[in-house]
Amino acid sequence: GETGAESSPTEFSPEGERLLVSDN
């Protein structure tokens, strides 16, 4: 995300090559 916003990880995908994230 842009500086000043908030991003967070939630979970790796089952195969481990993708990352579920949130961002505002």
PDB file of all heavy atoms in Angstrom:
ATOM      1  N   GLY A   1       0.818  -1.211   0.000  1.00  0.00           N
ATOM      2  CA  GLY A   1       0.000   0.000   0.000  1.00  0.00           C
ATOM      3  C   GLY A   1       0.845   1.250   0.000  1.00  0.00           C
ATOM      4  O   GLY A   1       2.075   1.211   0.082  1.00  0.00           O
ATOM      5  N   GLU A   2       0.174   2.387  -0.077  1.00  0.00           N
ATOM      6  CA  GLU A   2       0.873   3.655  -0.032  1.00  0.00           C
ATOM      7  C   GLU A   2       1.337   3.940   1.399  1.00  0.00           C
ATOM      8  O   GLU A   2       0.782   3.427   2.370  1.00  0.00           O
ATOM      9  CB  GLU A   2      -0.039   4.780  -0.519  1.00  0.00           C
ATOM     10  CG  GLU A   2      -1.269   5.004   0.353  1.00  0.00           C
ATOM     11  CD  GLU A   2      -2.198   6.065  -0.195  1.00  0.00           C
ATOM     12  OE1 GLU A   2      -2.318   6.171  -1.434  1.00  0.00           O
ATOM     13  OE2 GLU A   2      -2.811   6.777   0.620  1.00  0.00           O
ATOM     14  N   THR A   3       2.368   4.767   1.531  1.00  0.00           N
ATOM     15  CA  THR A   3       2.862   5.134   2.852  1.00  0.00           C
ATOM     16  C   THR A   3       1.780   5.885   3.618  1.00  0.00           C
ATOM     17  O   THR A   3       1.175   6.824   3.099  1.00  0.00           O
ATOM     18  CB  THR A   3       4.123   6.008   2.739  1.00  0.00           C
ATOM     19  OG1 THR A   3       5.134   5.264   2.049  1.00  0.00           O
ATOM     20  CG2 THR A   3       4.635   6.403   4.114  1.00  0.00           C
ATOM     21  N   GLY A   4       1.529   5.452   4.842  1.00  0.00           N
ATOM     22  CA  GLY A   4       0.457   6.034   5.647  1.00  0.00           C
ATOM     23  C   GLY A   4      -0.771   5.154   5.709  1.00  0.00           C
ATOM     24  O   GLY A   4      -1.617   5.336   6.585  1.00  0.00           O
ATOM     25  N   ALA A   5      -0.850   4.203   4.773  1.00  0.00           N
ATOM     26  CA  ALA A   5      -1.954   3.240   4.812  1.00  0.00           C
ATOM     27  C   ALA A   5      -1.526   2.017   5.632  1.00  0.00           C
ATOM     28  O   ALA A   5      -0.382   1.905   6.068  1.00  0.00           O
ATOM     29  CB  ALA A   5      -2.352   2.832   3.405  1.00  0.00           C
ATOM     30  N   GLU A   6      -2.461   1.104   5.822  1.00  0.00           N
ATOM     31  CA  GLU A   6      -2.197  -0.074   6.641  1.00  0.00           C
ATOM     32  C   GLU A   6      -2.445  -1.340   5.836  1.00  0.00           C
ATOM     33  O   GLU A   6      -3.535  -1.547   5.300  1.00  0.00           O
ATOM     34  CB  GLU A   6      -3.098  -0.073   7.874  1.00  0.00           C
ATOM     35  CG  GLU A   6      -2.832   1.087   8.806  1.00  0.00           C
ATOM     36  CD  GLU A   6      -3.989   1.319   9.752  1.00  0.00           C
ATOM     37  OE1 GLU A   6      -5.131   1.379   9.262  1.00  0.00           O
ATOM     38  OE2 GLU A   6      -3.750   1.456  10.962  1.00  0.00           O
ATOM     39  N   SER A   7      -1.426  -2.176   5.760  1.00  0.00           N
ATOM     40  CA  SER A   7      -1.532  -3.479   5.118  1.00  0.00           C
ATOM     41  C   SER A   7      -1.235  -4.546   6.159  1.00  0.00           C
ATOM     42  O   SER A   7      -0.464  -4.318   7.091  1.00  0.00           O
ATOM     43  CB  SER A   7      -0.547  -3.602   3.958  1.00  0.00           C
ATOM     44  OG  SER A   7      -0.747  -2.570   3.007  1.00  0.00           O
ATOM     45  N   SER A   8      -1.834  -5.721   5.979  1.00  0.00           N
ATOM     46  CA  SER A   8      -1.624  -6.786   6.948  1.00  0.00           C
ATOM     47  C   SER A   8      -1.739  -8.139   6.258  1.00  0.00           C
ATOM     48  O   SER A   8      -2.569  -8.311   5.364  1.00  0.00           O
ATOM     49  CB  SER A   8      -2.656  -6.688   8.072  1.00  0.00           C
ATOM     50  OG  SER A   8      -2.411  -7.646   9.076  1.00  0.00           O
ATOM     51  N   PRO A   9      -0.921  -9.130   6.665  1.00  0.00           N
ATOM     52  CA  PRO A   9      -1.069 -10.480   6.122  1.00  0.00           C
ATOM     53  C   PRO A   9      -2.131 -11.258   6.888  1.00  0.00           C
ATOM     54  O   PRO A   9      -2.333 -11.034   8.085  1.00  0.00           O
ATOM     55  CB  PRO A   9       0.315 -11.093   6.343  1.00  0.00           C
ATOM     56  CG  PRO A   9       0.793 -10.450   7.609  1.00  0.00           C
ATOM     57  CD  PRO A   9       0.227  -9.044   7.587  1.00  0.00           C
ATOM     58  N   THR A  10      -2.801 -12.155   6.206  1.00  0.00           N
ATOM     59  CA  THR A  10      -3.831 -12.984   6.841  1.00  0.00           C
ATOM     60  C   THR A  10      -3.471 -14.460   6.817  1.00  0.00           C
ATOM     61  O   THR A  10      -3.546 -15.137   7.837  1.00  0.00           O
ATOM     62  CB  THR A  10      -5.189 -12.779   6.150  1.00  0.00           C
ATOM     63  OG1 THR A  10      -5.562 -11.406   6.261  1.00  0.00           O
ATOM     64  CG2 THR A  10      -6.260 -13.641   6.795  1.00  0.00           C
ATOM     65  N   GLU A  11      -3.076 -14.985   5.644  1.00  0.00           N
ATOM     66  CA  GLU A  11      -2.791 -16.413   5.544  1.00  0.00           C
ATOM     67  C   GLU A  11      -2.014 -16.700   4.265  1.00  0.00           C
ATOM     68  O   GLU A  11      -2.257 -16.078   3.229  1.00  0.00           O
ATOM     69  CB  GLU A  11      -4.097 -17.216   5.547  1.00  0.00           C
ATOM     70  CG  GLU A  11      -3.905 -18.717   5.617  1.00  0.00           C
ATOM     71  CD  GLU A  11      -5.222 -19.481   5.641  1.00  0.00           C
ATOM     72  OE1 GLU A  11      -6.178 -19.047   4.962  1.00  0.00           O
ATOM     73  OE2 GLU A  11      -5.296 -20.505   6.329  1.00  0.00           O
ATOM     74  N   PHE A  12      -1.072 -17.654   4.333  1.00  0.00           N
ATOM     75  CA  PHE A  12      -0.469 -18.197   3.128  1.00  0.00           C
ATOM     76  C   PHE A  12      -1.472 -19.131   2.455  1.00  0.00           C
ATOM     77  O   PHE A  12      -2.266 -19.804   3.134  1.00  0.00           O
ATOM     78  CB  PHE A  12       0.792 -18.992   3.470  1.00  0.00           C
ATOM     79  CG  PHE A  12       2.017 -18.156   3.741  1.00  0.00           C
ATOM     80  CD1 PHE A  12       2.337 -17.772   5.029  1.00  0.00           C
ATOM     81  CD2 PHE A  12       2.834 -17.750   2.702  1.00  0.00           C
ATOM     82  CE1 PHE A  12       3.462 -17.018   5.293  1.00  0.00           C
ATOM     83  CE2 PHE A  12       3.967 -16.978   2.944  1.00  0.00           C
ATOM     84  CZ  PHE A  12       4.280 -16.610   4.252  1.00  0.00           C
ATOM     85  N   SER A  13      -1.415 -19.194   1.127  1.00  0.00           N
ATOM     86  CA  SER A  13      -2.262 -20.137   0.401  1.00  0.00           C
ATOM     87  C   SER A  13      -1.795 -21.560   0.692  1.00  0.00           C
ATOM     88  O   SER A  13      -0.666 -21.780   1.161  1.00  0.00           O
ATOM     89  CB  SER A  13      -2.190 -19.855  -1.098  1.00  0.00           C
ATOM     90  OG  SER A  13      -0.855 -20.030  -1.561  1.00  0.00           O
ATOM     91  N   PRO A  14      -2.620 -22.567   0.413  1.00  0.00           N
ATOM     92  CA  PRO A  14      -2.241 -23.958   0.722  1.00  0.00           C
ATOM     93  C   PRO A  14      -0.919 -24.385   0.102  1.00  0.00           C
ATOM     94  O   PRO A  14      -0.175 -25.164   0.700  1.00  0.00           O
ATOM     95  CB  PRO A  14      -3.419 -24.763   0.169  1.00  0.00           C
ATOM     96  CG  PRO A  14      -4.582 -23.827   0.268  1.00  0.00           C
ATOM     97  CD  PRO A  14      -4.026 -22.471  -0.034  1.00  0.00           C
ATOM     98  N   GLU A  15      -0.603 -23.883  -1.104  1.00  0.00           N
ATOM     99  CA  GLU A  15       0.667 -24.269  -1.734  1.00  0.00           C
ATOM    100  C   GLU A  15       1.810 -23.357  -1.299  1.00  0.00           C
ATOM    101  O   GLU A  15       2.983 -23.616  -1.604  1.00  0.00           O
ATOM    102  CB  GLU A  15       0.529 -24.254  -3.263  1.00  0.00           C
ATOM    103  CG  GLU A  15       0.651 -22.894  -3.917  1.00  0.00           C
ATOM    104  CD  GLU A  15      -0.588 -22.010  -3.752  1.00  0.00           C
ATOM    105  OE1 GLU A  15      -1.610 -22.525  -3.232  1.00  0.00           O
ATOM    106  OE2 GLU A  15      -0.544 -20.838  -4.147  1.00  0.00           O
ATOM    107  N   GLY A  16       1.483 -22.263  -0.589  1.00  0.00           N
ATOM    108  CA  GLY A  16       2.499 -21.400  -0.010  1.00  0.00           C
ATOM    109  C   GLY A  16       3.070 -20.338  -0.914  1.00  0.00           C
ATOM    110  O   GLY A  16       3.977 -19.601  -0.508  1.00  0.00           O
ATOM    111  N   GLU A  17       2.575 -20.202  -2.143  1.00  0.00           N
ATOM    112  CA  GLU A  17       3.137 -19.246  -3.092  1.00  0.00           C
ATOM    113  C   GLU A  17       2.323 -17.967  -3.210  1.00  0.00           C
ATOM    114  O   GLU A  17       2.690 -17.065  -3.956  1.00  0.00           O
ATOM    115  CB  GLU A  17       3.277 -19.901  -4.470  1.00  0.00           C
ATOM    116  CG  GLU A  17       4.220 -21.088  -4.489  1.00  0.00           C
ATOM    117  CD  GLU A  17       5.611 -20.735  -3.988  1.00  0.00           C
ATOM    118  OE1 GLU A  17       6.057 -19.588  -4.235  1.00  0.00           O
ATOM    119  OE2 GLU A  17       6.236 -21.592  -3.337  1.00  0.00           O
ATOM    120  N   ARG A  18       1.207 -17.900  -2.513  1.00  0.00           N
ATOM    121  CA  ARG A  18       0.391 -16.690  -2.510  1.00  0.00           C
ATOM    122  C   ARG A  18       0.111 -16.274  -1.059  1.00  0.00           C
ATOM    123  O   ARG A  18       0.140 -17.108  -0.153  1.00  0.00           O
ATOM    124  CB  ARG A  18      -0.926 -16.913  -3.249  1.00  0.00           C
ATOM    125  CG  ARG A  18      -0.784 -17.230  -4.739  1.00  0.00           C
ATOM    126  CD  ARG A  18      -2.130 -17.629  -5.337  1.00  0.00           C
ATOM    127  NE  ARG A  18      -2.612 -18.872  -4.734  1.00  0.00           N
ATOM    128  CZ  ARG A  18      -3.887 -19.257  -4.732  1.00  0.00           C
ATOM    129  NH1 ARG A  18      -4.820 -18.481  -5.286  1.00  0.00           N
ATOM    130  NH2 ARG A  18      -4.238 -20.403  -4.171  1.00  0.00           N
ATOM    131  N   LEU A  19      -0.163 -14.992  -0.893  1.00  0.00           N
ATOM    132  CA  LEU A  19      -0.388 -14.456   0.441  1.00  0.00           C
ATOM    133  C   LEU A  19      -1.683 -13.652   0.444  1.00  0.00           C
ATOM    134  O   LEU A  19      -1.862 -12.737  -0.366  1.00  0.00           O
ATOM    135  CB  LEU A  19       0.786 -13.555   0.849  1.00  0.00           C
ATOM    136  CG  LEU A  19       0.851 -13.087   2.304  1.00  0.00           C
ATOM    137  CD1 LEU A  19       1.021 -14.274   3.243  1.00  0.00           C
ATOM    138  CD2 LEU A  19       2.002 -12.097   2.482  1.00  0.00           C
ATOM    139  N   LEU A  20      -2.594 -14.032   1.333  1.00  0.00           N
ATOM    140  CA  LEU A  20      -3.850 -13.299   1.503  1.00  0.00           C
ATOM    141  C   LEU A  20      -3.571 -12.079   2.373  1.00  0.00           C
ATOM    142  O   LEU A  20      -3.027 -12.202   3.474  1.00  0.00           O
ATOM    143  CB  LEU A  20      -4.892 -14.204   2.149  1.00  0.00           C
ATOM    144  CG  LEU A  20      -6.317 -13.665   2.301  1.00  0.00           C
ATOM    145  CD1 LEU A  20      -6.936 -13.384   0.935  1.00  0.00           C
ATOM    146  CD2 LEU A  20      -7.168 -14.663   3.079  1.00  0.00           C
ATOM    147  N   VAL A  21      -3.937 -10.887   1.879  1.00  0.00           N
ATOM    148  CA  VAL A  21      -3.597  -9.642   2.573  1.00  0.00           C
ATOM    149  C   VAL A  21      -4.801  -8.708   2.594  1.00  0.00           C
ATOM    150  O   VAL A  21      -5.779  -8.879   1.861  1.00  0.00           O
ATOM    151  CB  VAL A  21      -2.413  -8.918   1.891  1.00  0.00           C
ATOM    152  CG1 VAL A  21      -1.162  -9.771   1.925  1.00  0.00           C
ATOM    153  CG2 VAL A  21      -2.774  -8.532   0.448  1.00  0.00           C
ATOM    154  N   SER A  22      -4.703  -7.693   3.455  1.00  0.00           N
ATOM    155  CA  SER A  22      -5.671  -6.592   3.456  1.00  0.00           C
ATOM    156  C   SER A  22      -4.910  -5.284   3.343  1.00  0.00           C
ATOM    157  O   SER A  22      -3.729  -5.194   3.704  1.00  0.00           O
ATOM    158  CB  SER A  22      -6.506  -6.602   4.738  1.00  0.00           C
ATOM    159  OG  SER A  22      -5.688  -6.378   5.875  1.00  0.00           O
ATOM    160  N   ASP A  23      -5.608  -4.252   2.855  1.00  0.00           N
ATOM    161  CA  ASP A  23      -4.972  -2.940   2.695  1.00  0.00           C
ATOM    162  C   ASP A  23      -6.058  -1.881   2.614  1.00  0.00           C
ATOM    163  O   ASP A  23      -7.145  -2.128   2.080  1.00  0.00           O
ATOM    164  CB  ASP A  23      -4.130  -2.897   1.415  1.00  0.00           C
ATOM    165  CG  ASP A  23      -3.559  -1.514   1.144  1.00  0.00           C
ATOM    166  OD1 ASP A  23      -2.654  -1.099   1.887  1.00  0.00           O
ATOM    167  OD2 ASP A  23      -4.037  -0.843   0.209  1.00  0.00           O
ATOM    168  N   ASN A  24      -5.782  -0.692   3.179  1.00  0.00           N
ATOM    169  CA  ASN A  24      -6.769   0.384   3.132  1.00  0.00           C
ATOM    170  C   ASN A  24      -6.251   1.640   2.422  1.00  0.00           C
ATOM    171  O   ASN A  24      -6.668   2.748   2.737  1.00  0.00           O
ATOM    172  CB  ASN A  24      -7.277   0.729   4.536  1.00  0.00           C
ATOM    173  CG  ASN A  24      -6.173   1.209   5.475  1.00  0.00           C
ATOM    174  OD1 ASN A  24      -5.043   1.479   5.047  1.00  0.00           O
ATOM    175  ND2 ASN A  24      -6.494   1.324   6.751  1.00  0.00           N
TER     176      ASN A  24
END
